[in-house]
Amino acid sequence: MVQKPISYILHNKTLISLICVIGIVAISYGMLNDNNLIFIVGLVFVIGGYLLIRKRIKEYAKKNH
């Protein structure tokens, strides 16, 4: 079975973790070097990762409720 690329990204734990780690590194770099743009990009990555994790938890809860 062939999955669509977007579906694969949304359901792969490694990629979601990588998105969050990139966001955390970008936030840290932005704070340490007073780079507002990198800081904001990092926030976007972390928020995106959080939303993907939240979506997975909701799907899991619906299946097992």
PDB file of N, CA and C in Angstrom:
ATOM      1  N   MET A   1       0.841  -1.174   0.000  1.00  0.00           N
ATOM      2  CA  MET A   1       0.000   0.000   0.000  1.00  0.00           C
ATOM      3  C   MET A   1       0.891   1.244   0.000  1.00  0.00           C
ATOM      4  N   VAL A   2       0.599   2.180  -0.882  1.00  0.00           N
ATOM      5  CA  VAL A   2       1.374   3.406  -1.005  1.00  0.00           C
ATOM      6  C   VAL A   2       0.669   4.507  -0.232  1.00  0.00           C
ATOM      7  N   GLN A   3       1.406   5.160   0.662  1.00  0.00           N
ATOM      8  CA  GLN A   3       0.847   6.271   1.421  1.00  0.00           C
ATOM      9  C   GLN A   3       1.204   7.588   0.759  1.00  0.00           C
ATOM     10  N   LYS A   4       0.364   8.581   0.952  1.00  0.00           N
ATOM     11  CA  LYS A   4       0.662   9.910   0.455  1.00  0.00           C
ATOM     12  C   LYS A   4       1.751  10.518   1.342  1.00  0.00           C
ATOM     13  N   PRO A   5       2.616  11.356   0.768  1.00  0.00           N
ATOM     14  CA  PRO A   5       3.716  11.935   1.567  1.00  0.00           C
ATOM     15  C   PRO A   5       3.249  12.726   2.783  1.00  0.00           C
ATOM     16  N   ILE A   6       2.200  13.516   2.648  1.00  0.00           N
ATOM     17  CA  ILE A   6       1.725  14.325   3.779  1.00  0.00           C
ATOM     18  C   ILE A   6       1.203  13.414   4.886  1.00  0.00           C
ATOM     19  N   SER A   7       0.456  12.397   4.527  1.00  0.00           N
ATOM     20  CA  SER A   7      -0.062  11.465   5.518  1.00  0.00           C
ATOM     21  C   SER A   7       1.085  10.776   6.263  1.00  0.00           C
ATOM     22  N   TYR A   8       2.124  10.427   5.530  1.00  0.00           N
ATOM     23  CA  TYR A   8       3.283   9.778   6.137  1.00  0.00           C
ATOM     24  C   TYR A   8       3.953  10.706   7.151  1.00  0.00           C
ATOM     25  N   ILE A   9       4.096  11.968   6.808  1.00  0.00           N
ATOM     26  CA  ILE A   9       4.730  12.940   7.701  1.00  0.00           C
ATOM     27  C   ILE A   9       3.897  13.123   8.961  1.00  0.00           C
ATOM     28  N   LEU A  10       2.585  13.185   8.807  1.00  0.00           N
ATOM     29  CA  LEU A  10       1.722  13.432   9.952  1.00  0.00           C
ATOM     30  C   LEU A  10       1.664  12.255  10.917  1.00  0.00           C
ATOM     31  N   HIS A  11       1.994  11.041  10.450  1.00  0.00           N
ATOM     32  CA  HIS A  11       1.866   9.871  11.301  1.00  0.00           C
ATOM     33  C   HIS A  11       3.201   9.231  11.673  1.00  0.00           C
ATOM     34  N   ASN A  12       4.309   9.823  11.295  1.00  0.00           N
ATOM     35  CA  ASN A  12       5.609   9.251  11.607  1.00  0.00           C
ATOM     36  C   ASN A  12       6.171   9.915  12.864  1.00  0.00           C
ATOM     37  N   LYS A  13       6.416   9.115  13.897  1.00  0.00           N
ATOM     38  CA  LYS A  13       6.903   9.646  15.178  1.00  0.00           C
ATOM     39  C   LYS A  13       8.262  10.327  15.035  1.00  0.00           C
ATOM     40  N   THR A  14       9.133   9.758  14.225  1.00  0.00           N
ATOM     41  CA  THR A  14      10.480  10.306  14.066  1.00  0.00           C
ATOM     42  C   THR A  14      10.438  11.697  13.454  1.00  0.00           C
ATOM     43  N   LEU A  15       9.616  11.869  12.440  1.00  0.00           N
ATOM     44  CA  LEU A  15       9.543  13.172  11.786  1.00  0.00           C
ATOM     45  C   LEU A  15       8.907  14.223  12.694  1.00  0.00           C
ATOM     46  N   ILE A  16       7.904  13.829  13.462  1.00  0.00           N
ATOM     47  CA  ILE A  16       7.290  14.772  14.401  1.00  0.00           C
ATOM     48  C   ILE A  16       8.306  15.170  15.468  1.00  0.00           C
ATOM     49  N   SER A  17       9.074  14.207  15.961  1.00  0.00           N
ATOM     50  CA  SER A  17      10.112  14.508  16.953  1.00  0.00           C
ATOM     51  C   SER A  17      11.168  15.429  16.361  1.00  0.00           C
ATOM     52  N   LEU A  18      11.540  15.186  15.123  1.00  0.00           N
ATOM     53  CA  LEU A  18      12.540  16.018  14.453  1.00  0.00           C
ATOM     54  C   LEU A  18      12.041  17.453  14.307  1.00  0.00           C
ATOM     55  N   ILE A  19      10.774  17.620  13.977  1.00  0.00           N
ATOM     56  CA  ILE A  19      10.197  18.966  13.872  1.00  0.00           C
ATOM     57  C   ILE A  19      10.303  19.687  15.211  1.00  0.00           C
ATOM     58  N   CYS A  20       9.971  19.001  16.294  1.00  0.00           N
ATOM     59  CA  CYS A  20      10.040  19.615  17.627  1.00  0.00           C
ATOM     60  C   CYS A  20      11.479  19.956  18.015  1.00  0.00           C
ATOM     61  N   VAL A  21      12.416  19.058  17.727  1.00  0.00           N
ATOM     62  CA  VAL A  21      13.818  19.304  18.072  1.00  0.00           C
ATOM     63  C   VAL A  21      14.370  20.485  17.278  1.00  0.00           C
ATOM     64  N   ILE A  22      14.043  20.562  15.993  1.00  0.00           N
ATOM     65  CA  ILE A  22      14.483  21.709  15.180  1.00  0.00           C
ATOM     66  C   ILE A  22      13.932  22.994  15.776  1.00  0.00           C
ATOM     67  N   GLY A  23      12.681  22.965  16.199  1.00  0.00           N
ATOM     68  CA  GLY A  23      12.082  24.148  16.812  1.00  0.00           C
ATOM     69  C   GLY A  23      12.774  24.553  18.098  1.00  0.00           C
ATOM     70  N   ILE A  24      13.093  23.584  18.938  1.00  0.00           N
ATOM     71  CA  ILE A  24      13.761  23.886  20.210  1.00  0.00           C
ATOM     72  C   ILE A  24      15.154  24.462  19.973  1.00  0.00           C
ATOM     73  N   VAL A  25      15.877  23.884  19.026  1.00  0.00           N
ATOM     74  CA  VAL A  25      17.217  24.395  18.701  1.00  0.00           C
ATOM     75  C   VAL A  25      17.117  25.809  18.146  1.00  0.00           C
ATOM     76  N   ALA A  26      16.143  26.053  17.276  1.00  0.00           N
ATOM     77  CA  ALA A  26      15.989  27.384  16.692  1.00  0.00           C
ATOM     78  C   ALA A  26      15.607  28.413  17.752  1.00  0.00           C
ATOM     79  N   ILE A  27      14.743  28.037  18.678  1.00  0.00           N
ATOM     80  CA  ILE A  27      14.372  28.955  19.762  1.00  0.00           C
ATOM     81  C   ILE A  27      15.587  29.279  20.620  1.00  0.00           C
ATOM     82  N   SER A  28      16.367  28.265  20.960  1.00  0.00           N
ATOM     83  CA  SER A  28      17.566  28.480  21.780  1.00  0.00           C
ATOM     84  C   SER A  28      18.558  29.384  21.059  1.00  0.00           C
ATOM     85  N   TYR A  29      18.791  29.110  19.789  1.00  0.00           N
ATOM     86  CA  TYR A  29      19.723  29.929  19.006  1.00  0.00           C
ATOM     87  C   TYR A  29      19.229  31.368  18.920  1.00  0.00           C
ATOM     88  N   GLY A  30      17.941  31.530  18.669  1.00  0.00           N
ATOM     89  CA  GLY A  30      17.377  32.876  18.569  1.00  0.00           C
ATOM     90  C   GLY A  30      17.482  33.652  19.861  1.00  0.00           C
ATOM     91  N   MET A  31      17.312  32.968  20.990  1.00  0.00           N
ATOM     92  CA  MET A  31      17.414  33.647  22.282  1.00  0.00           C
ATOM     93  C   MET A  31      18.856  34.012  22.608  1.00  0.00           C
ATOM     94  N   LEU A  32      19.770  33.095  22.343  1.00  0.00           N
ATOM     95  CA  LEU A  32      21.172  33.336  22.696  1.00  0.00           C
ATOM     96  C   LEU A  32      21.828  34.404  21.824  1.00  0.00           C
ATOM     97  N   ASN A  33      21.421  34.499  20.562  1.00  0.00           N
ATOM     98  CA  ASN A  33      22.060  35.431  19.633  1.00  0.00           C
ATOM     99  C   ASN A  33      21.181  36.624  19.279  1.00  0.00           C
ATOM    100  N   ASP A  34      20.117  36.848  20.044  1.00  0.00           N
ATOM    101  CA  ASP A  34      19.198  37.959  19.797  1.00  0.00           C
ATOM    102  C   ASP A  34      18.747  38.019  18.342  1.00  0.00           C
ATOM    103  N   ASN A  35      18.362  36.878  17.803  1.00  0.00           N
ATOM    104  CA  ASN A  35      17.882  36.790  16.429  1.00  0.00           C
ATOM    105  C   ASN A  35      16.384  36.489  16.477  1.00  0.00           C
ATOM    106  N   ASN A  36      15.588  37.541  16.302  1.00  0.00           N
ATOM    107  CA  ASN A  36      14.145  37.409  16.437  1.00  0.00           C
ATOM    108  C   ASN A  36      13.526  36.512  15.366  1.00  0.00           C
ATOM    109  N   LEU A  37      14.026  36.575  14.149  1.00  0.00           N
ATOM    110  CA  LEU A  37      13.453  35.783  13.062  1.00  0.00           C
ATOM    111  C   LEU A  37      13.619  34.289  13.324  1.00  0.00           C
ATOM    112  N   ILE A  38      14.818  33.874  13.720  1.00  0.00           N
ATOM    113  CA  ILE A  38      15.060  32.455  14.015  1.00  0.00           C
ATOM    114  C   ILE A  38      14.221  32.012  15.207  1.00  0.00           C
ATOM    115  N   PHE A  39      14.074  32.878  16.194  1.00  0.00           N
ATOM    116  CA  PHE A  39      13.254  32.573  17.366  1.00  0.00           C
ATOM    117  C   PHE A  39      11.804  32.310  16.957  1.00  0.00           C
ATOM    118  N   ILE A  40      11.254  33.166  16.101  1.00  0.00           N
ATOM    119  CA  ILE A  40       9.865  33.019  15.658  1.00  0.00           C
ATOM    120  C   ILE A  40       9.695  31.772  14.804  1.00  0.00           C
ATOM    121  N   VAL A  41      10.656  31.485  13.933  1.00  0.00           N
ATOM    122  CA  VAL A  41      10.598  30.258  13.132  1.00  0.00           C
ATOM    123  C   VAL A  41      10.619  29.038  14.046  1.00  0.00           C
ATOM    124  N   GLY A  42      11.421  29.083  15.081  1.00  0.00           N
ATOM    125  CA  GLY A  42      11.465  27.997  16.054  1.00  0.00           C
ATOM    126  C   GLY A  42      10.131  27.810  16.759  1.00  0.00           C
ATOM    127  N   LEU A  43       9.490  28.924  17.113  1.00  0.00           N
ATOM    128  CA  LEU A  43       8.169  28.836  17.733  1.00  0.00           C
ATOM    129  C   LEU A  43       7.164  28.165  16.798  1.00  0.00           C
ATOM    130  N   VAL A  44       7.225  28.517  15.524  1.00  0.00           N
ATOM    131  CA  VAL A  44       6.313  27.913  14.540  1.00  0.00           C
ATOM    132  C   VAL A  44       6.539  26.403  14.469  1.00  0.00           C
ATOM    133  N   PHE A  45       7.794  25.974  14.463  1.00  0.00           N
ATOM    134  CA  PHE A  45       8.098  24.542  14.420  1.00  0.00           C
ATOM    135  C   PHE A  45       7.595  23.829  15.670  1.00  0.00           C
ATOM    136  N   VAL A  46       7.820  24.409  16.829  1.00  0.00           N
ATOM    137  CA  VAL A  46       7.394  23.766  18.077  1.00  0.00           C
ATOM    138  C   VAL A  46       5.871  23.700  18.148  1.00  0.00           C
ATOM    139  N   ILE A  47       5.202  24.769  17.772  1.00  0.00           N
ATOM    140  CA  ILE A  47       3.740  24.767  17.789  1.00  0.00           C
ATOM    141  C   ILE A  47       3.202  23.744  16.792  1.00  0.00           C
ATOM    142  N   GLY A  48       3.807  23.677  15.620  1.00  0.00           N
ATOM    143  CA  GLY A  48       3.395  22.679  14.624  1.00  0.00           C
ATOM    144  C   GLY A  48       3.584  21.262  15.138  1.00  0.00           C
ATOM    145  N   GLY A  49       4.715  20.995  15.766  1.00  0.00           N
ATOM    146  CA  GLY A  49       4.964  19.674  16.335  1.00  0.00           C
ATOM    147  C   GLY A  49       3.979  19.344  17.436  1.00  0.00           C
ATOM    148  N   TYR A  50       3.692  20.328  18.267  1.00  0.00           N
ATOM    149  CA  TYR A  50       2.717  20.131  19.340  1.00  0.00           C
ATOM    150  C   TYR A  50       1.342  19.773  18.773  1.00  0.00           C
ATOM    151  N   LEU A  51       0.929  20.488  17.729  1.00  0.00           N
ATOM    152  CA  LEU A  51      -0.376  20.217  17.128  1.00  0.00           C
ATOM    153  C   LEU A  51      -0.436  18.823  16.502  1.00  0.00           C
ATOM    154  N   LEU A  52       0.664  18.381  15.902  1.00  0.00           N
ATOM    155  CA  LEU A  52       0.698  17.036  15.330  1.00  0.00           C
ATOM    156  C   LEU A  52       0.617  15.973  16.428  1.00  0.00           C
ATOM    157  N   ILE A  53       1.329  16.197  17.532  1.00  0.00           N
ATOM    158  CA  ILE A  53       1.274  15.258  18.656  1.00  0.00           C
ATOM    159  C   ILE A  53      -0.131  15.229  19.248  1.00  0.00           C
ATOM    160  N   ARG A  54      -0.722  16.390  19.393  1.00  0.00           N
ATOM    161  CA  ARG A  54      -2.078  16.497  19.947  1.00  0.00           C
ATOM    162  C   ARG A  54      -3.077  15.761  19.067  1.00  0.00           C
ATOM    163  N   LYS A  55      -2.913  15.889  17.753  1.00  0.00           N
ATOM    164  CA  LYS A  55      -3.806  15.199  16.815  1.00  0.00           C
ATOM    165  C   LYS A  55      -3.683  13.684  16.975  1.00  0.00           C
ATOM    166  N   ARG A  56      -2.452  13.203  17.114  1.00  0.00           N
ATOM    167  CA  ARG A  56      -2.240  11.758  17.293  1.00  0.00           C
ATOM    168  C   ARG A  56      -2.868  11.269  18.589  1.00  0.00           C
ATOM    169  N   ILE A  57      -2.762  12.046  19.653  1.00  0.00           N
ATOM    170  CA  ILE A  57      -3.344  11.649  20.936  1.00  0.00           C
ATOM    171  C   ILE A  57      -4.864  11.607  20.838  1.00  0.00           C
ATOM    172  N   LYS A  58      -5.452  12.581  20.157  1.00  0.00           N
ATOM    173  CA  LYS A  58      -6.907  12.585  19.983  1.00  0.00           C
ATOM    174  C   LYS A  58      -7.373  11.368  19.196  1.00  0.00           C
ATOM    175  N   GLU A  59      -6.661  11.013  18.117  1.00  0.00           N
ATOM    176  CA  GLU A  59      -7.020   9.841  17.330  1.00  0.00           C
ATOM    177  C   GLU A  59      -6.911   8.575  18.173  1.00  0.00           C
ATOM    178  N   TYR A  60      -5.869   8.474  18.971  1.00  0.00           N
ATOM    179  CA  TYR A  60      -5.674   7.320  19.834  1.00  0.00           C
ATOM    180  C   TYR A  60      -6.803   7.214  20.864  1.00  0.00           C
ATOM    181  N   ALA A  61      -7.194   8.361  21.439  1.00  0.00           N
ATOM    182  CA  ALA A  61      -8.246   8.372  22.437  1.00  0.00           C
ATOM    183  C   ALA A  61      -9.589   7.959  21.826  1.00  0.00           C
ATOM    184  N   LYS A  62      -9.855   8.378  20.604  1.00  0.00           N
ATOM    185  CA  LYS A  62     -11.122   8.005  19.951  1.00  0.00           C
ATOM    186  C   LYS A  62     -11.170   6.500  19.684  1.00  0.00           C
ATOM    187  N   LYS A  63     -10.051   5.916  19.275  1.00  0.00           N
ATOM    188  CA  LYS A  63     -10.011   4.487  18.986  1.00  0.00           C
ATOM    189  C   LYS A  63     -10.201   3.647  20.234  1.00  0.00           C
ATOM    190  N   ASN A  64      -9.647   4.090  21.352  1.00  0.00           N
ATOM    191  CA  ASN A  64      -9.645   3.294  22.573  1.00  0.00           C
ATOM    192  C   ASN A  64     -10.644   3.745  23.614  1.00  0.00           C
ATOM    193  N   HIS A  65     -11.599   4.545  23.225  1.00  0.00           N
ATOM    194  CA  HIS A  65     -12.568   5.027  24.191  1.00  0.00           C
ATOM    195  C   HIS A  65     -13.760   4.139  24.252  1.00  0.00           C
TER     196      HIS A  65
END
